Amino acid sequence: MTNKITIFPCSGVGTVLGTISRQVAYKVIETFPNDTLLLCLPALVRLVQEDLEMLLYPVIVIEGCNKKCANYVLKRFRRPRIIHTFNICDFIKQNKIIVKNENRGELQDEEKRVVDIVAKQVVQIIKKIAGGKRGEEPCLCREKGEV
C-alpha cells in the first residue's frame, strides 16, 4: 500500500458551509486522484473498515464552521494524525465574501469562489508535504513506513 493523504470534509449536510467543504474535498481529490482518499463521516462513525484504514494516513480536515465537528469526531479515534485543518469561515472572512449559511445545497457564484480559494490552499499544502515544486504534481508513492 502506498502513502496517501486522507481528506476529511465537514458533513454539514444541507448547509452551504458543509457543501463548500465537500466541494473543496472533491476538487482536491480530482487534482490528486492517486494520492488522496476521501473520508466519509457516516462510514467512519459506523466503523466501516475501509474508512478506519484511512486514519492510518495523515489527515487534512476541511471544517465548514467554527463548531469543528470533523476534528471532534477524529479525536475520538486512537491514531489520526491531523496535519492541517482548514476552516471555511476563516477563508470567507479573510476574503470578505458574504455567505449565508442557509439550508441549501446549491452554491452561488461567491460560494464557488470560496471553493476555488480553499481548494488552492489545500493543494499547496499537499504539494508542500510531498516536496513538490510549483506546478508539479506530488508523488506520494512511498512505501508504507518510509519517511
C-alpha atoms as a PDB file:
ATOM      1  CA  MET A   1       0.000   0.000   0.000  1.00  0.00           C
ATOM      2  CA  THR A   2       1.314   3.476  -0.829  1.00  0.00           C
ATOM      3  CA  ASN A   3       1.344   6.577   1.343  1.00  0.00           C
ATOM      4  CA  LYS A   4      -1.614   8.816   0.793  1.00  0.00           C
ATOM      5  CA  ILE A   5      -3.268  11.801   2.389  1.00  0.00           C
ATOM      6  CA  THR A   6      -6.792  11.487   3.714  1.00  0.00           C
ATOM      7  CA  ILE A   7      -9.148  14.402   3.099  1.00  0.00           C
ATOM      8  CA  PHE A   8     -11.943  14.737   5.661  1.00  0.00           C
ATOM      9  CA  PRO A   9     -14.568  17.390   4.852  1.00  0.00           C
ATOM     10  CA  CYS A  10     -17.300  18.693   7.117  1.00  0.00           C
ATOM     11  CA  SER A  11     -20.568  16.836   6.725  1.00  0.00           C
ATOM     12  CA  GLY A  12     -22.893  19.771   7.350  1.00  0.00           C
ATOM     13  CA  VAL A  13     -25.445  18.209   5.019  1.00  0.00           C
ATOM     14  CA  GLY A  14     -27.858  20.705   3.550  1.00  0.00           C
ATOM     15  CA  THR A  15     -25.898  23.735   4.747  1.00  0.00           C
ATOM     16  CA  VAL A  16     -23.937  25.968   2.437  1.00  0.00           C
ATOM     17  CA  LEU A  17     -20.753  25.717   4.535  1.00  0.00           C
ATOM     18  CA  GLY A  18     -20.938  21.916   4.507  1.00  0.00           C
ATOM     19  CA  THR A  19     -21.474  21.930   0.741  1.00  0.00           C
ATOM     20  CA  ILE A  20     -18.481  24.239   0.280  1.00  0.00           C
ATOM     21  CA  SER A  21     -16.340  21.893   2.407  1.00  0.00           C
ATOM     22  CA  ARG A  22     -17.326  18.850   0.387  1.00  0.00           C
ATOM     23  CA  GLN A  23     -16.816  20.642  -2.936  1.00  0.00           C
ATOM     24  CA  VAL A  24     -13.308  21.621  -1.810  1.00  0.00           C
ATOM     25  CA  ALA A  25     -12.604  17.985  -0.956  1.00  0.00           C
ATOM     26  CA  TYR A  26     -13.885  16.808  -4.355  1.00  0.00           C
ATOM     27  CA  LYS A  27     -11.646  19.308  -6.191  1.00  0.00           C
ATOM     28  CA  VAL A  28      -8.599  18.185  -4.207  1.00  0.00           C
ATOM     29  CA  ILE A  29      -9.365  14.512  -4.821  1.00  0.00           C
ATOM     30  CA  GLU A  30      -9.741  15.246  -8.557  1.00  0.00           C
ATOM     31  CA  THR A  31      -6.364  17.020  -8.540  1.00  0.00           C
ATOM     32  CA  PHE A  32      -4.573  14.132  -6.803  1.00  0.00           C
ATOM     33  CA  PRO A  33      -6.688  11.035  -7.514  1.00  0.00           C
ATOM     34  CA  ASN A  34      -3.855   8.577  -6.832  1.00  0.00           C
ATOM     35  CA  ASP A  35      -2.537  10.276  -3.710  1.00  0.00           C
ATOM     36  CA  THR A  36      -5.644  11.187  -1.720  1.00  0.00           C
ATOM     37  CA  LEU A  37      -8.536   9.418  -0.025  1.00  0.00           C
ATOM     38  CA  LEU A  38     -11.952  10.861   0.818  1.00  0.00           C
ATOM     39  CA  LEU A  39     -13.059  10.020   4.356  1.00  0.00           C
ATOM     40  CA  CYS A  40     -16.803   9.699   4.879  1.00  0.00           C
ATOM     41  CA  LEU A  41     -18.144  10.699   8.306  1.00  0.00           C
ATOM     42  CA  PRO A  42     -21.152   8.331   8.382  1.00  0.00           C
ATOM     43  CA  ALA A  43     -18.966   5.396   7.323  1.00  0.00           C
ATOM     44  CA  LEU A  44     -16.339   6.308   9.908  1.00  0.00           C
ATOM     45  CA  VAL A  45     -18.902   6.530  12.703  1.00  0.00           C
ATOM     46  CA  ARG A  46     -20.324   3.152  11.622  1.00  0.00           C
ATOM     47  CA  LEU A  47     -16.756   1.784  11.820  1.00  0.00           C
ATOM     48  CA  VAL A  48     -16.562   0.758   8.175  1.00  0.00           C
ATOM     49  CA  GLN A  49     -13.144  -0.904   7.844  1.00  0.00           C
ATOM     50  CA  GLU A  50     -12.127   0.958   4.669  1.00  0.00           C
ATOM     51  CA  ASP A  51     -12.719   4.312   6.365  1.00  0.00           C
ATOM     52  CA  LEU A  52     -10.977   3.241   9.569  1.00  0.00           C
ATOM     53  CA  GLU A  53      -7.921   2.320   7.487  1.00  0.00           C
ATOM     54  CA  MET A  54      -7.871   5.829   6.037  1.00  0.00           C
ATOM     55  CA  LEU A  55      -6.937   7.054   9.521  1.00  0.00           C
ATOM     56  CA  LEU A  56      -3.562   5.335   9.121  1.00  0.00           C
ATOM     57  CA  TYR A  57      -2.599   8.144   6.741  1.00  0.00           C
ATOM     58  CA  PRO A  58      -2.098  11.846   7.506  1.00  0.00           C
ATOM     59  CA  VAL A  59      -5.415  13.698   7.533  1.00  0.00           C
ATOM     60  CA  ILE A  60      -6.322  17.137   6.204  1.00  0.00           C
ATOM     61  CA  VAL A  61      -9.587  18.353   7.717  1.00  0.00           C
ATOM     62  CA  ILE A  62     -11.858  20.841   5.971  1.00  0.00           C
ATOM     63  CA  GLU A  63     -14.195  22.317   8.590  1.00  0.00           C
ATOM     64  CA  GLY A  64     -17.302  24.153   7.475  1.00  0.00           C
ATOM     65  CA  CYS A  65     -17.679  26.311  10.569  1.00  0.00           C
ATOM     66  CA  ASN A  66     -16.273  27.040  13.991  1.00  0.00           C
ATOM     67  CA  LYS A  67     -18.036  24.072  15.619  1.00  0.00           C
ATOM     68  CA  LYS A  68     -15.173  21.903  14.278  1.00  0.00           C
ATOM     69  CA  CYS A  69     -17.251  18.729  14.265  1.00  0.00           C
ATOM     70  CA  ALA A  70     -14.874  16.865  11.956  1.00  0.00           C
ATOM     71  CA  ASN A  71     -11.917  17.420  14.304  1.00  0.00           C
ATOM     72  CA  TYR A  72     -14.069  16.422  17.267  1.00  0.00           C
ATOM     73  CA  VAL A  73     -15.035  13.133  15.611  1.00  0.00           C
ATOM     74  CA  LEU A  74     -11.442  12.369  14.581  1.00  0.00           C
ATOM     75  CA  LYS A  75     -10.102  12.904  18.077  1.00  0.00           C
ATOM     76  CA  ARG A  76     -12.375  10.138  19.323  1.00  0.00           C
ATOM     77  CA  PHE A  77     -10.276   7.665  17.373  1.00  0.00           C
ATOM     78  CA  ARG A  78      -6.879   6.491  18.562  1.00  0.00           C
ATOM     79  CA  ARG A  79      -4.413   7.425  15.895  1.00  0.00           C
ATOM     80  CA  PRO A  80      -5.494  10.048  13.432  1.00  0.00           C
ATOM     81  CA  ARG A  81      -2.601  12.308  12.528  1.00  0.00           C
ATOM     82  CA  ILE A  82      -4.232  15.601  11.633  1.00  0.00           C
ATOM     83  CA  ILE A  83      -1.637  17.508   9.647  1.00  0.00           C
ATOM     84  CA  HIS A  84      -3.734  20.541   8.788  1.00  0.00           C
ATOM     85  CA  THR A  85      -7.211  21.913   9.408  1.00  0.00           C
ATOM     86  CA  PHE A  86      -8.868  24.405   7.092  1.00  0.00           C
ATOM     87  CA  ASN A  87     -11.879  26.378   8.297  1.00  0.00           C
ATOM     88  CA  ILE A  88     -14.195  27.642   5.569  1.00  0.00           C
ATOM     89  CA  CYS A  89     -15.352  30.532   7.800  1.00  0.00           C
ATOM     90  CA  ASP A  90     -11.774  31.813   8.092  1.00  0.00           C
ATOM     91  CA  PHE A  91     -11.405  31.987   4.308  1.00  0.00           C
ATOM     92  CA  ILE A  92     -14.764  33.725   3.960  1.00  0.00           C
ATOM     93  CA  LYS A  93     -13.720  36.393   6.474  1.00  0.00           C
ATOM     94  CA  GLN A  94     -10.209  36.812   5.038  1.00  0.00           C
ATOM     95  CA  ASN A  95     -11.569  37.330   1.540  1.00  0.00           C
ATOM     96  CA  LYS A  96     -14.507  39.479   2.677  1.00  0.00           C
ATOM     97  CA  ILE A  97     -17.038  37.261   0.942  1.00  0.00           C
ATOM     98  CA  ILE A  98     -20.641  37.301   2.098  1.00  0.00           C
ATOM     99  CA  VAL A  99     -22.056  33.807   2.519  1.00  0.00           C
ATOM    100  CA  LYS A 100     -25.304  32.972   4.259  1.00  0.00           C
ATOM    101  CA  ASN A 101     -25.154  29.524   5.825  1.00  0.00           C
ATOM    102  CA  GLU A 102     -28.624  28.596   4.685  1.00  0.00           C
ATOM    103  CA  ASN A 103     -30.053  25.129   4.381  1.00  0.00           C
ATOM    104  CA  ARG A 104     -29.487  24.578   0.689  1.00  0.00           C
ATOM    105  CA  GLY A 105     -27.055  22.529  -1.320  1.00  0.00           C
ATOM    106  CA  GLU A 106     -26.757  24.675  -4.448  1.00  0.00           C
ATOM    107  CA  LEU A 107     -23.794  27.041  -4.414  1.00  0.00           C
ATOM    108  CA  GLN A 108     -23.915  30.570  -5.764  1.00  0.00           C
ATOM    109  CA  ASP A 109     -21.023  32.288  -7.568  1.00  0.00           C
ATOM    110  CA  GLU A 110     -19.424  33.803  -4.449  1.00  0.00           C
ATOM    111  CA  GLU A 111     -19.574  30.446  -2.692  1.00  0.00           C
ATOM    112  CA  LYS A 112     -17.981  28.739  -5.691  1.00  0.00           C
ATOM    113  CA  ARG A 113     -15.232  31.323  -5.407  1.00  0.00           C
ATOM    114  CA  VAL A 114     -14.661  30.210  -1.806  1.00  0.00           C
ATOM    115  CA  VAL A 115     -14.388  26.602  -3.033  1.00  0.00           C
ATOM    116  CA  ASP A 116     -11.684  27.619  -5.505  1.00  0.00           C
ATOM    117  CA  ILE A 117      -9.762  29.674  -2.931  1.00  0.00           C
ATOM    118  CA  VAL A 118      -9.737  26.954  -0.290  1.00  0.00           C
ATOM    119  CA  ALA A 119      -9.031  24.143  -2.770  1.00  0.00           C
ATOM    120  CA  LYS A 120      -5.939  26.023  -3.971  1.00  0.00           C
ATOM    121  CA  GLN A 121      -4.713  26.305  -0.384  1.00  0.00           C
ATOM    122  CA  VAL A 122      -5.261  22.596   0.273  1.00  0.00           C
ATOM    123  CA  VAL A 123      -3.412  21.726  -2.946  1.00  0.00           C
ATOM    124  CA  GLN A 124      -0.494  23.916  -1.821  1.00  0.00           C
ATOM    125  CA  ILE A 125      -0.301  22.050   1.489  1.00  0.00           C
ATOM    126  CA  ILE A 126      -0.302  18.689  -0.282  1.00  0.00           C
ATOM    127  CA  LYS A 127       2.446  19.844  -2.656  1.00  0.00           C
ATOM    128  CA  LYS A 128       4.476  21.104   0.292  1.00  0.00           C
ATOM    129  CA  ILE A 129       4.054  17.819   2.178  1.00  0.00           C
ATOM    130  CA  ALA A 130       5.017  15.840  -0.915  1.00  0.00           C
ATOM    131  CA  GLY A 131       8.014  18.064  -1.583  1.00  0.00           C
ATOM    132  CA  GLY A 132       6.564  19.065  -4.944  1.00  0.00           C
ATOM    133  CA  LYS A 133       7.580  22.322  -6.526  1.00  0.00           C
ATOM    134  CA  ARG A 134       5.221  24.847  -8.005  1.00  0.00           C
ATOM    135  CA  GLY A 135       3.364  23.391 -10.964  1.00  0.00           C
ATOM    136  CA  GLU A 136       4.438  19.808 -10.285  1.00  0.00           C
ATOM    137  CA  GLU A 137       2.183  17.017  -9.169  1.00  0.00           C
ATOM    138  CA  PRO A 138       3.327  15.451  -5.909  1.00  0.00           C
ATOM    139  CA  CYS A 139       4.489  11.896  -5.762  1.00  0.00           C
ATOM    140  CA  LEU A 140       3.344  10.333  -2.535  1.00  0.00           C
ATOM    141  CA  CYS A 141       4.152   6.855  -3.766  1.00  0.00           C
ATOM    142  CA  ARG A 142       6.457   5.862  -0.920  1.00  0.00           C
ATOM    143  CA  GLU A 143       6.002   2.527   0.703  1.00  0.00           C
ATOM    144  CA  LYS A 144       4.166   2.461   3.997  1.00  0.00           C
ATOM    145  CA  GLY A 145       6.531   3.123   6.870  1.00  0.00           C
ATOM    146  CA  GLU A 146       9.007   5.266   4.900  1.00  0.00           C
ATOM    147  CA  VAL A 147       9.553   8.826   5.979  1.00  0.00           C
END
